[in-house]
N, C-alpha and C. Protein backbone atom coordinates (compact mmCIF):
# COMPACT_ATOMS: atom_id res chain seq x y z
N MET A 1 -58.35 199.49 37.21
CA MET A 1 -57.87 199.03 35.94
C MET A 1 -58.48 199.80 34.78
N ASN A 2 -59.78 200.15 34.89
CA ASN A 2 -60.41 200.94 33.83
C ASN A 2 -61.39 201.93 34.45
N ASN A 3 -61.88 202.84 33.64
CA ASN A 3 -62.82 203.84 34.12
C ASN A 3 -64.26 203.53 33.73
N PHE A 4 -64.47 202.40 33.09
CA PHE A 4 -65.83 202.03 32.69
C PHE A 4 -66.53 201.38 33.87
N THR A 5 -67.64 201.98 34.30
CA THR A 5 -68.34 201.49 35.48
C THR A 5 -69.11 200.21 35.24
N HIS A 6 -69.37 199.87 33.99
CA HIS A 6 -70.15 198.67 33.68
C HIS A 6 -69.29 197.47 33.32
N LEU A 7 -67.99 197.56 33.62
CA LEU A 7 -67.08 196.43 33.40
C LEU A 7 -66.32 196.17 34.69
N ASP A 8 -66.17 194.88 35.02
CA ASP A 8 -65.35 194.56 36.19
C ASP A 8 -63.88 194.49 35.78
N GLU A 9 -63.02 194.14 36.73
CA GLU A 9 -61.58 194.12 36.45
C GLU A 9 -61.17 193.10 35.39
N LYS A 10 -62.05 192.13 35.10
CA LYS A 10 -61.76 191.13 34.07
C LYS A 10 -62.43 191.47 32.72
N GLY A 11 -63.13 192.61 32.69
CA GLY A 11 -63.80 193.01 31.46
C GLY A 11 -65.20 192.45 31.30
N ASN A 12 -65.74 191.84 32.35
CA ASN A 12 -67.10 191.30 32.30
C ASN A 12 -68.12 192.43 32.51
N ALA A 13 -69.25 192.30 31.86
CA ALA A 13 -70.32 193.27 32.02
C ALA A 13 -70.97 193.11 33.39
N VAL A 14 -71.16 194.24 34.08
CA VAL A 14 -71.80 194.22 35.40
C VAL A 14 -72.75 195.41 35.53
N MET A 15 -73.78 195.21 36.30
CA MET A 15 -74.66 196.31 36.65
C MET A 15 -74.03 197.02 37.84
N VAL A 16 -73.95 198.33 37.80
CA VAL A 16 -73.34 199.08 38.89
C VAL A 16 -74.18 198.90 40.15
N ASP A 17 -73.54 198.60 41.25
CA ASP A 17 -74.24 198.43 42.52
C ASP A 17 -74.43 199.79 43.17
N VAL A 18 -75.67 200.24 43.24
CA VAL A 18 -75.97 201.55 43.84
C VAL A 18 -76.66 201.39 45.19
N SER A 19 -76.66 200.19 45.74
CA SER A 19 -77.42 199.92 46.96
C SER A 19 -76.96 200.75 48.15
N SER A 20 -75.70 201.14 48.20
CA SER A 20 -75.21 201.90 49.35
C SER A 20 -75.28 203.42 49.13
N LYS A 21 -75.70 203.83 47.94
CA LYS A 21 -75.77 205.26 47.64
C LYS A 21 -77.01 205.88 48.29
N LYS A 22 -76.90 207.15 48.59
CA LYS A 22 -78.01 207.92 49.14
C LYS A 22 -78.88 208.45 48.00
N ALA A 23 -80.17 208.41 48.18
CA ALA A 23 -81.09 208.96 47.19
C ALA A 23 -81.00 210.49 47.20
N THR A 24 -80.85 211.08 46.02
CA THR A 24 -80.82 212.53 45.90
C THR A 24 -81.73 212.95 44.75
N SER A 25 -82.04 214.22 44.72
CA SER A 25 -82.85 214.77 43.64
C SER A 25 -82.03 214.77 42.35
N ARG A 26 -82.60 214.26 41.27
CA ARG A 26 -81.91 214.14 39.98
C ARG A 26 -82.75 214.81 38.90
N LEU A 27 -82.06 215.40 37.94
CA LEU A 27 -82.72 216.02 36.80
C LEU A 27 -81.79 215.89 35.60
N ALA A 28 -82.35 215.60 34.43
CA ALA A 28 -81.57 215.57 33.20
C ALA A 28 -82.40 216.16 32.07
N VAL A 29 -81.72 216.85 31.17
CA VAL A 29 -82.36 217.42 29.98
C VAL A 29 -81.56 216.98 28.77
N ALA A 30 -82.26 216.41 27.79
CA ALA A 30 -81.63 216.03 26.52
C ALA A 30 -82.42 216.67 25.40
N GLN A 31 -81.75 216.84 24.27
CA GLN A 31 -82.45 217.40 23.12
C GLN A 31 -81.91 216.81 21.82
N GLY A 32 -82.69 216.98 20.77
CA GLY A 32 -82.31 216.55 19.44
C GLY A 32 -83.25 217.21 18.45
N MET A 33 -82.95 217.06 17.17
CA MET A 33 -83.79 217.74 16.19
C MET A 33 -84.12 216.82 15.01
N ILE A 34 -85.19 217.19 14.34
CA ILE A 34 -85.56 216.52 13.11
C ILE A 34 -85.82 217.60 12.07
N THR A 35 -85.21 217.42 10.90
CA THR A 35 -85.46 218.35 9.80
C THR A 35 -86.25 217.61 8.72
N MET A 36 -87.05 218.38 8.00
CA MET A 36 -87.96 217.81 7.01
C MET A 36 -88.21 218.82 5.92
N ASN A 37 -88.89 218.38 4.86
CA ASN A 37 -89.19 219.33 3.80
C ASN A 37 -90.33 220.26 4.23
N GLU A 38 -90.49 221.33 3.47
CA GLU A 38 -91.47 222.36 3.83
C GLU A 38 -92.90 221.83 3.83
N GLU A 39 -93.23 220.99 2.87
CA GLU A 39 -94.58 220.43 2.80
C GLU A 39 -94.91 219.65 4.08
N CYS A 40 -94.00 218.81 4.49
CA CYS A 40 -94.20 217.99 5.68
C CYS A 40 -94.32 218.88 6.92
N TYR A 41 -93.42 219.86 7.02
CA TYR A 41 -93.43 220.81 8.14
C TYR A 41 -94.79 221.50 8.26
N LYS A 42 -95.31 221.94 7.13
CA LYS A 42 -96.61 222.63 7.14
C LYS A 42 -97.73 221.69 7.58
N LYS A 43 -97.69 220.46 7.10
CA LYS A 43 -98.74 219.49 7.48
C LYS A 43 -98.69 219.18 8.98
N VAL A 44 -97.50 219.06 9.53
CA VAL A 44 -97.39 218.83 10.99
C VAL A 44 -98.01 220.01 11.73
N ASN A 45 -97.66 221.23 11.32
CA ASN A 45 -98.17 222.42 12.01
C ASN A 45 -99.65 222.63 11.83
N GLU A 46 -100.18 222.13 10.73
CA GLU A 46 -101.62 222.28 10.46
C GLU A 46 -102.43 221.10 11.00
N HIS A 47 -101.78 220.16 11.65
CA HIS A 47 -102.44 218.96 12.19
C HIS A 47 -103.19 218.23 11.08
N ALA A 48 -102.52 218.09 9.93
CA ALA A 48 -103.16 217.55 8.73
C ALA A 48 -102.82 216.09 8.45
N PHE A 49 -102.52 215.33 9.47
CA PHE A 49 -102.21 213.91 9.29
C PHE A 49 -103.38 213.06 9.79
N ALA A 50 -103.77 212.09 8.98
CA ALA A 50 -104.88 211.21 9.35
C ALA A 50 -104.58 210.43 10.62
N LYS A 51 -103.30 210.17 10.89
CA LYS A 51 -102.90 209.40 12.08
C LYS A 51 -103.10 210.19 13.38
N GLY A 52 -103.26 211.51 13.27
CA GLY A 52 -103.47 212.33 14.46
C GLY A 52 -102.48 213.47 14.55
N ASP A 53 -102.52 214.18 15.67
CA ASP A 53 -101.62 215.31 15.92
C ASP A 53 -100.21 214.77 16.17
N VAL A 54 -99.33 214.97 15.21
CA VAL A 54 -97.99 214.37 15.23
C VAL A 54 -97.23 214.70 16.51
N LEU A 55 -97.18 215.96 16.87
CA LEU A 55 -96.35 216.35 18.01
C LEU A 55 -96.93 215.87 19.35
N THR A 56 -98.23 215.86 19.47
CA THR A 56 -98.84 215.36 20.71
C THR A 56 -98.58 213.86 20.87
N ILE A 57 -98.74 213.12 19.79
CA ILE A 57 -98.49 211.69 19.85
C ILE A 57 -97.01 211.43 20.14
N ALA A 58 -96.12 212.23 19.53
CA ALA A 58 -94.69 212.09 19.77
C ALA A 58 -94.33 212.42 21.22
N GLN A 59 -95.01 213.38 21.82
CA GLN A 59 -94.78 213.69 23.24
C GLN A 59 -95.11 212.48 24.11
N VAL A 60 -96.25 211.89 23.87
CA VAL A 60 -96.65 210.71 24.65
C VAL A 60 -95.67 209.56 24.43
N ALA A 61 -95.25 209.36 23.18
CA ALA A 61 -94.29 208.30 22.88
C ALA A 61 -92.96 208.55 23.60
N GLY A 62 -92.51 209.79 23.63
CA GLY A 62 -91.27 210.13 24.33
C GLY A 62 -91.35 209.83 25.81
N ILE A 63 -92.48 210.15 26.42
CA ILE A 63 -92.68 209.84 27.84
C ILE A 63 -92.66 208.33 28.06
N MET A 64 -93.35 207.61 27.20
CA MET A 64 -93.36 206.15 27.30
C MET A 64 -91.96 205.57 27.12
N GLY A 65 -91.20 206.12 26.18
CA GLY A 65 -89.84 205.65 25.94
C GLY A 65 -88.94 205.87 27.14
N ALA A 66 -89.06 207.02 27.78
CA ALA A 66 -88.25 207.32 28.97
C ALA A 66 -88.52 206.30 30.07
N LYS A 67 -89.75 205.83 30.15
CA LYS A 67 -90.12 204.88 31.19
C LYS A 67 -89.66 203.45 30.90
N LYS A 68 -89.17 203.19 29.70
CA LYS A 68 -88.79 201.83 29.28
C LYS A 68 -87.29 201.61 29.19
N VAL A 69 -86.48 202.56 29.60
CA VAL A 69 -85.03 202.46 29.40
C VAL A 69 -84.44 201.16 29.92
N SER A 70 -84.78 200.76 31.12
CA SER A 70 -84.16 199.56 31.70
C SER A 70 -84.55 198.29 30.96
N GLU A 71 -85.62 198.33 30.18
CA GLU A 71 -86.02 197.18 29.39
C GLU A 71 -85.28 197.12 28.06
N LEU A 72 -84.69 198.23 27.65
CA LEU A 72 -84.09 198.31 26.32
C LEU A 72 -82.57 198.43 26.33
N ILE A 73 -82.01 199.01 27.36
CA ILE A 73 -80.55 199.19 27.43
C ILE A 73 -80.01 198.29 28.53
N PRO A 74 -79.16 197.33 28.16
CA PRO A 74 -78.63 196.41 29.16
C PRO A 74 -77.92 197.16 30.29
N LEU A 75 -78.06 196.66 31.48
CA LEU A 75 -77.38 197.13 32.69
C LEU A 75 -77.90 198.45 33.25
N CYS A 76 -78.91 199.04 32.61
CA CYS A 76 -79.52 200.26 33.18
C CYS A 76 -80.44 199.86 34.33
N HIS A 77 -80.43 200.67 35.38
CA HIS A 77 -81.32 200.43 36.51
C HIS A 77 -82.74 200.82 36.13
N SER A 78 -83.70 200.13 36.70
CA SER A 78 -85.08 200.56 36.50
C SER A 78 -85.36 201.65 37.54
N LEU A 79 -85.81 202.79 37.06
CA LEU A 79 -85.96 203.96 37.93
C LEU A 79 -87.41 204.42 37.99
N PRO A 80 -87.86 204.76 39.17
CA PRO A 80 -89.17 205.43 39.25
C PRO A 80 -88.97 206.88 38.83
N LEU A 81 -89.68 207.30 37.81
CA LEU A 81 -89.57 208.69 37.35
C LEU A 81 -90.67 209.51 38.00
N ASP A 82 -90.28 210.64 38.54
CA ASP A 82 -91.26 211.53 39.16
C ASP A 82 -91.89 212.47 38.15
N ASN A 83 -91.14 212.75 37.06
CA ASN A 83 -91.69 213.61 36.02
C ASN A 83 -90.91 213.39 34.73
N VAL A 84 -91.64 213.39 33.62
CA VAL A 84 -91.03 213.39 32.28
C VAL A 84 -91.81 214.42 31.48
N LEU A 85 -91.08 215.34 30.87
CA LEU A 85 -91.69 216.38 30.05
C LEU A 85 -91.02 216.38 28.69
N VAL A 86 -91.81 216.26 27.63
CA VAL A 86 -91.30 216.32 26.26
C VAL A 86 -91.92 217.53 25.59
N THR A 87 -91.07 218.39 25.03
CA THR A 87 -91.55 219.59 24.35
C THR A 87 -90.94 219.67 22.95
N PHE A 88 -91.63 220.40 22.09
CA PHE A 88 -91.13 220.64 20.73
C PHE A 88 -91.11 222.13 20.46
N THR A 89 -90.07 222.58 19.79
CA THR A 89 -89.96 223.96 19.32
C THR A 89 -89.78 223.92 17.81
N ARG A 90 -90.60 224.68 17.12
CA ARG A 90 -90.52 224.74 15.66
C ARG A 90 -89.33 225.60 15.23
N PHE A 91 -88.74 225.26 14.07
CA PHE A 91 -87.74 226.17 13.51
C PHE A 91 -87.81 226.17 11.99
N GLU A 92 -87.55 227.33 11.44
CA GLU A 92 -87.44 227.55 10.00
C GLU A 92 -86.26 228.49 9.83
N ASN A 93 -85.19 228.03 9.20
CA ASN A 93 -84.09 228.93 8.90
C ASN A 93 -83.24 228.36 7.77
N ASP A 94 -82.78 229.25 6.92
CA ASP A 94 -81.93 228.89 5.78
C ASP A 94 -82.51 227.73 4.96
N GLY A 95 -83.81 227.77 4.73
CA GLY A 95 -84.45 226.73 3.94
C GLY A 95 -84.61 225.39 4.65
N LYS A 96 -84.30 225.36 5.95
CA LYS A 96 -84.48 224.13 6.74
C LYS A 96 -85.71 224.30 7.61
N TYR A 97 -86.45 223.22 7.71
CA TYR A 97 -87.68 223.21 8.49
C TYR A 97 -87.63 222.03 9.44
N GLY A 98 -88.13 222.23 10.65
CA GLY A 98 -88.15 221.10 11.56
C GLY A 98 -88.51 221.46 12.97
N PHE A 99 -88.14 220.55 13.86
CA PHE A 99 -88.52 220.67 15.27
C PHE A 99 -87.36 220.26 16.16
N LEU A 100 -87.16 221.03 17.21
CA LEU A 100 -86.21 220.70 18.26
C LEU A 100 -87.01 220.04 19.37
N ALA A 101 -86.65 218.82 19.72
CA ALA A 101 -87.33 218.10 20.81
C ALA A 101 -86.46 218.17 22.04
N LYS A 102 -87.10 218.36 23.18
CA LYS A 102 -86.40 218.39 24.47
C LYS A 102 -87.13 217.45 25.42
N CYS A 103 -86.36 216.69 26.18
CA CYS A 103 -86.95 215.81 27.18
C CYS A 103 -86.29 216.09 28.52
N THR A 104 -87.10 216.38 29.52
CA THR A 104 -86.63 216.62 30.88
C THR A 104 -87.15 215.50 31.76
N THR A 105 -86.24 214.87 32.50
CA THR A 105 -86.62 213.79 33.41
C THR A 105 -86.20 214.16 34.82
N LYS A 106 -87.02 213.77 35.79
CA LYS A 106 -86.73 214.06 37.20
C LYS A 106 -87.08 212.85 38.06
N ASN A 107 -86.30 212.70 39.12
CA ASN A 107 -86.65 211.74 40.16
C ASN A 107 -85.83 212.02 41.41
N VAL A 108 -86.14 211.30 42.45
CA VAL A 108 -85.29 211.24 43.64
C VAL A 108 -84.83 209.80 43.69
N GLY A 109 -83.53 209.61 43.49
CA GLY A 109 -83.04 208.24 43.41
C GLY A 109 -81.54 208.14 43.64
N LYS A 110 -81.03 206.93 43.44
CA LYS A 110 -79.63 206.63 43.71
C LYS A 110 -78.75 206.72 42.47
N THR A 111 -79.36 206.89 41.31
CA THR A 111 -78.60 207.00 40.07
C THR A 111 -79.32 207.97 39.14
N GLY A 112 -78.57 208.50 38.17
CA GLY A 112 -79.07 209.57 37.33
C GLY A 112 -80.13 209.17 36.33
N VAL A 113 -80.76 210.17 35.75
CA VAL A 113 -81.85 209.98 34.80
C VAL A 113 -81.48 210.46 33.39
N GLU A 114 -80.17 210.48 33.10
CA GLU A 114 -79.72 210.93 31.78
C GLU A 114 -80.19 210.03 30.66
N MET A 115 -80.08 208.72 30.86
CA MET A 115 -80.48 207.78 29.80
C MET A 115 -81.98 207.90 29.52
N GLU A 116 -82.76 208.17 30.55
CA GLU A 116 -84.20 208.33 30.37
C GLU A 116 -84.50 209.56 29.52
N ALA A 117 -83.78 210.66 29.77
CA ALA A 117 -83.98 211.87 28.97
C ALA A 117 -83.56 211.64 27.52
N LEU A 118 -82.42 210.99 27.33
CA LEU A 118 -81.94 210.70 25.97
C LEU A 118 -82.88 209.76 25.23
N MET A 119 -83.40 208.76 25.91
CA MET A 119 -84.35 207.84 25.28
C MET A 119 -85.64 208.57 24.93
N GLY A 120 -86.11 209.43 25.81
CA GLY A 120 -87.33 210.19 25.55
C GLY A 120 -87.22 211.00 24.27
N VAL A 121 -86.09 211.67 24.09
CA VAL A 121 -85.86 212.46 22.87
C VAL A 121 -85.84 211.56 21.64
N ASN A 122 -85.10 210.47 21.73
CA ASN A 122 -85.00 209.56 20.59
C ASN A 122 -86.35 209.03 20.16
N ILE A 123 -87.12 208.55 21.11
CA ILE A 123 -88.42 207.95 20.78
C ILE A 123 -89.39 209.01 20.26
N ALA A 124 -89.36 210.21 20.83
CA ALA A 124 -90.22 211.29 20.34
C ALA A 124 -89.89 211.61 18.88
N LEU A 125 -88.60 211.74 18.57
CA LEU A 125 -88.20 212.06 17.20
C LEU A 125 -88.48 210.92 16.24
N LEU A 126 -88.26 209.69 16.67
CA LEU A 126 -88.59 208.54 15.82
C LEU A 126 -90.09 208.47 15.53
N THR A 127 -90.89 208.88 16.49
CA THR A 127 -92.34 208.88 16.29
C THR A 127 -92.73 209.93 15.25
N VAL A 128 -92.11 211.11 15.32
CA VAL A 128 -92.36 212.12 14.28
C VAL A 128 -92.00 211.54 12.92
N TYR A 129 -90.83 210.91 12.84
CA TYR A 129 -90.40 210.31 11.58
C TYR A 129 -91.43 209.29 11.08
N ASP A 130 -91.83 208.40 11.96
CA ASP A 130 -92.78 207.35 11.58
C ASP A 130 -94.09 207.93 11.07
N MET A 131 -94.57 208.96 11.74
CA MET A 131 -95.86 209.52 11.35
C MET A 131 -95.78 210.35 10.07
N CYS A 132 -94.58 210.83 9.73
CA CYS A 132 -94.43 211.73 8.58
C CYS A 132 -93.76 211.10 7.37
N LYS A 133 -93.32 209.88 7.47
CA LYS A 133 -92.51 209.28 6.40
C LYS A 133 -93.28 209.12 5.09
N SER A 134 -94.58 209.14 5.13
CA SER A 134 -95.34 209.06 3.88
C SER A 134 -95.21 210.34 3.05
N ILE A 135 -94.87 211.43 3.70
CA ILE A 135 -94.70 212.72 3.02
C ILE A 135 -93.22 212.98 2.70
N ASP A 136 -92.32 212.63 3.64
CA ASP A 136 -90.90 212.95 3.47
C ASP A 136 -90.05 211.82 4.04
N LYS A 137 -89.48 211.04 3.16
CA LYS A 137 -88.59 209.96 3.60
C LYS A 137 -87.16 210.44 3.82
N ARG A 138 -86.89 211.69 3.54
CA ARG A 138 -85.54 212.24 3.70
C ARG A 138 -85.38 213.06 4.97
N MET A 139 -86.27 212.89 5.91
CA MET A 139 -86.11 213.58 7.19
C MET A 139 -84.80 213.13 7.83
N VAL A 140 -84.20 214.03 8.59
CA VAL A 140 -82.94 213.72 9.27
C VAL A 140 -83.10 213.99 10.76
N ILE A 141 -82.80 212.98 11.56
CA ILE A 141 -82.76 213.13 13.02
C ILE A 141 -81.30 213.35 13.38
N SER A 142 -81.03 214.40 14.17
CA SER A 142 -79.63 214.74 14.45
C SER A 142 -79.46 215.44 15.80
N ASP A 143 -78.21 215.60 16.14
CA ASP A 143 -77.78 216.41 17.29
C ASP A 143 -78.40 216.00 18.61
N ILE A 144 -78.61 214.71 18.81
CA ILE A 144 -79.16 214.24 20.08
C ILE A 144 -78.04 214.23 21.10
N HIS A 145 -78.28 214.91 22.20
CA HIS A 145 -77.25 214.99 23.24
C HIS A 145 -77.84 215.42 24.58
N LEU A 146 -77.07 215.16 25.63
CA LEU A 146 -77.42 215.61 26.97
C LEU A 146 -77.11 217.09 27.07
N VAL A 147 -78.07 217.87 27.48
CA VAL A 147 -77.91 219.32 27.60
C VAL A 147 -77.45 219.69 29.00
N GLU A 148 -78.06 219.05 29.99
CA GLU A 148 -77.66 219.32 31.38
C GLU A 148 -78.12 218.21 32.28
N LYS A 149 -77.46 218.12 33.43
CA LYS A 149 -77.89 217.17 34.46
C LYS A 149 -77.55 217.77 35.82
N HIS A 150 -78.34 217.40 36.81
CA HIS A 150 -78.14 217.89 38.18
C HIS A 150 -78.35 216.73 39.14
N GLY A 151 -77.58 216.75 40.22
CA GLY A 151 -77.71 215.75 41.27
C GLY A 151 -76.67 214.67 41.17
N GLY A 152 -76.49 213.99 42.27
CA GLY A 152 -75.54 212.88 42.31
C GLY A 152 -74.13 213.31 42.62
N LYS A 153 -73.27 212.32 42.75
CA LYS A 153 -71.88 212.53 43.16
C LYS A 153 -71.10 213.37 42.15
N SER A 154 -71.38 213.18 40.85
CA SER A 154 -70.60 213.91 39.84
C SER A 154 -71.04 215.36 39.68
N GLY A 155 -72.13 215.73 40.33
CA GLY A 155 -72.56 217.13 40.32
C GLY A 155 -73.24 217.56 39.04
N ASP A 156 -73.23 218.86 38.82
CA ASP A 156 -73.94 219.45 37.68
C ASP A 156 -73.10 219.35 36.40
N PHE A 157 -73.82 219.23 35.29
CA PHE A 157 -73.19 219.19 33.97
C PHE A 157 -74.00 220.07 33.04
N TYR A 158 -73.31 220.85 32.24
CA TYR A 158 -73.93 221.66 31.19
C TYR A 158 -73.18 221.45 29.89
N PHE A 159 -73.88 221.22 28.81
CA PHE A 159 -73.24 221.00 27.52
C PHE A 159 -72.69 222.32 27.00
């Protein structure tokens, strides 16, 4: 009747039953960016915030966020993650300053780890925003998306 896996034939919300699926190696990569003013960008790079090293704290927050997906998004399975990696790349171009965040999640399981990668990026970027908002309230978080995924029945995906 429909292609939505989280709805039954009557439109009721359901958790997808993965009990009969075979565990396979899974990997997902998501990314997003935050732009900020030059003053804020410099302070982040100089580790000049009293709250601590912004990017290191944001990395830890992103990892923690990836581990909490099933508690925050209804109908998501709780997954054991074998690895979560959050990285930041600095950028300066055309008067824009900021950071590209990437989150890579891995496991061996019955369902994918895309939501965990997407959550990791979101929480990492929100943490940067929270730590820097005293300097720049006009920061913009944007372009959050799945970059690639591997494993499972649907196979590989590249954005």
